Amino acid sequence: MSDEMELVKGTENPFRDVGLADPDSKLIKADLAAEIIRVLREHGLSGVEAARRAGVQEADISRIRNADLARFTIDRLVKVLNRLDVTLEVTLEVHARAPDAPPIRNIGAR
């Protein structure tokens, strides 16, 4: 077995690269959570104090810190940031899917 590793260039969205459903939503939520974590660290906020300021349960802050974001909507993460005195500026870029891109999979939809 060779010790060499193959370098594979991914896209800007690792969730898409590994074939997860709703990769754009997952990336937005991860970016928002990373910003929440940055603010908490910057201000030295404990879970209890962060939860009080953000108007959520301490367990929610723990979930955000652990990147367990399944229970969170994008809207809810934005509200947490707003309650931590962060104002967001969102820039949206829309691109057509490349002709050679794999088809969009709809996992679990009915």
Protein backbone atom coordinates (compact mmCIF):
# COMPACT_ATOMS: atom_id res chain seq x y z
CA MET A 1 0.00 0.00 0.00
CA SER A 2 1.31 3.42 -0.93
CA ASP A 3 1.58 6.23 1.61
CA GLU A 4 0.84 8.80 -1.08
CA MET A 5 -2.44 10.64 -0.89
CA GLU A 6 -4.33 11.91 -3.88
CA LEU A 7 -5.20 15.61 -3.70
CA VAL A 8 -8.73 16.25 -4.86
CA LYS A 9 -9.92 19.80 -5.41
CA GLY A 10 -13.42 20.39 -4.09
CA THR A 11 -15.89 23.15 -4.68
CA GLU A 12 -16.66 26.01 -2.32
CA ASN A 13 -19.33 23.80 -0.75
CA PRO A 14 -18.04 20.67 1.00
CA PHE A 15 -21.62 19.52 1.65
CA ARG A 16 -22.19 19.36 -2.11
CA ASP A 17 -18.84 17.66 -2.63
CA VAL A 18 -19.86 14.73 -0.45
CA GLY A 19 -23.37 14.49 -1.93
CA LEU A 20 -25.47 15.63 1.03
CA ALA A 21 -29.04 16.81 0.50
CA ASP A 22 -29.63 20.60 0.66
CA PRO A 23 -25.94 21.50 0.50
CA ASP A 24 -26.52 25.25 0.10
CA SER A 25 -28.70 25.42 3.22
CA LYS A 26 -26.18 23.38 5.17
CA LEU A 27 -23.36 25.71 4.12
CA ILE A 28 -25.33 28.84 5.09
CA LYS A 29 -26.18 27.33 8.48
CA ALA A 30 -22.53 26.33 9.05
CA ASP A 31 -21.35 29.85 8.18
CA LEU A 32 -23.91 31.41 10.55
CA ALA A 33 -22.95 29.01 13.34
CA ALA A 34 -19.27 29.80 12.82
CA GLU A 35 -20.05 33.49 13.19
CA ILE A 36 -22.05 32.85 16.38
CA ILE A 37 -19.13 30.87 17.80
CA ARG A 38 -16.71 33.68 16.85
CA VAL A 39 -18.89 36.25 18.65
CA LEU A 40 -19.18 34.06 21.75
CA ARG A 41 -15.39 33.62 21.88
CA GLU A 42 -14.70 37.28 21.17
CA HIS A 43 -16.92 38.35 24.07
CA GLY A 44 -15.93 35.46 26.36
CA LEU A 45 -19.55 34.42 26.84
CA SER A 46 -20.40 31.29 28.76
CA GLY A 47 -23.19 29.05 27.53
CA VAL A 48 -25.51 30.40 30.20
CA GLU A 49 -24.82 34.06 29.39
CA ALA A 50 -24.93 33.47 25.63
CA ALA A 51 -28.28 31.70 25.94
CA ARG A 52 -29.68 34.52 28.06
CA ARG A 53 -28.61 37.18 25.57
CA ALA A 54 -29.74 35.19 22.54
CA GLY A 55 -33.08 34.17 24.03
CA VAL A 56 -32.47 30.44 23.57
CA GLN A 57 -31.80 27.47 25.82
CA GLU A 58 -28.25 26.76 26.96
CA ALA A 59 -28.52 23.40 25.14
CA ASP A 60 -29.06 25.34 21.90
CA ILE A 61 -25.79 27.20 22.40
CA SER A 62 -24.08 23.87 23.04
CA ARG A 63 -25.57 22.45 19.83
CA ILE A 64 -24.32 25.44 17.85
CA ARG A 65 -20.84 25.12 19.36
CA ASN A 66 -20.84 21.41 18.40
CA ALA A 67 -22.12 22.12 14.87
CA ASP A 68 -25.23 20.04 15.59
CA LEU A 69 -27.42 22.26 13.42
CA ALA A 70 -30.23 19.92 12.36
CA ARG A 71 -32.70 21.57 14.75
CA PHE A 72 -31.93 25.08 13.52
CA THR A 73 -33.36 27.00 10.61
CA ILE A 74 -31.38 29.69 8.87
CA ASP A 75 -33.87 32.21 10.24
CA ARG A 76 -33.36 31.04 13.81
CA LEU A 77 -29.56 31.29 13.53
CA VAL A 78 -29.91 34.82 12.13
CA LYS A 79 -32.11 35.74 15.11
CA VAL A 80 -29.47 34.42 17.51
CA LEU A 81 -26.84 36.59 15.83
CA ASN A 82 -29.13 39.63 15.91
CA ARG A 83 -29.77 39.12 19.63
CA LEU A 84 -25.99 39.01 20.12
CA ASP A 85 -25.88 42.53 18.59
CA VAL A 86 -24.60 41.38 15.19
CA THR A 87 -26.02 42.88 12.03
CA LEU A 88 -25.80 40.74 8.90
CA GLU A 89 -25.22 41.87 5.37
CA VAL A 90 -26.09 39.14 2.89
CA THR A 91 -24.88 38.99 -0.68
CA LEU A 92 -26.57 36.49 -2.96
CA GLU A 93 -25.05 35.07 -6.10
CA VAL A 94 -27.13 32.78 -8.30
CA HIS A 95 -25.43 30.52 -10.82
CA ALA A 96 -26.84 28.06 -13.31
CA ARG A 97 -25.81 24.49 -12.67
CA ALA A 98 -22.95 23.43 -14.92
CA PRO A 99 -24.04 21.12 -17.77
CA ASP A 100 -21.63 18.41 -16.60
CA ALA A 101 -22.73 18.64 -12.94
CA PRO A 102 -24.39 15.57 -11.49
CA PRO A 103 -28.18 15.72 -11.28
CA ILE A 104 -29.68 17.21 -8.16
CA ARG A 105 -30.77 14.43 -5.85
CA ASN A 106 -33.93 14.81 -3.83
CA ILE A 107 -33.35 12.54 -0.85
CA GLY A 108 -36.31 11.71 1.34
CA ALA A 109 -38.83 13.95 -0.44
CA ARG A 110 -42.34 12.67 -0.92
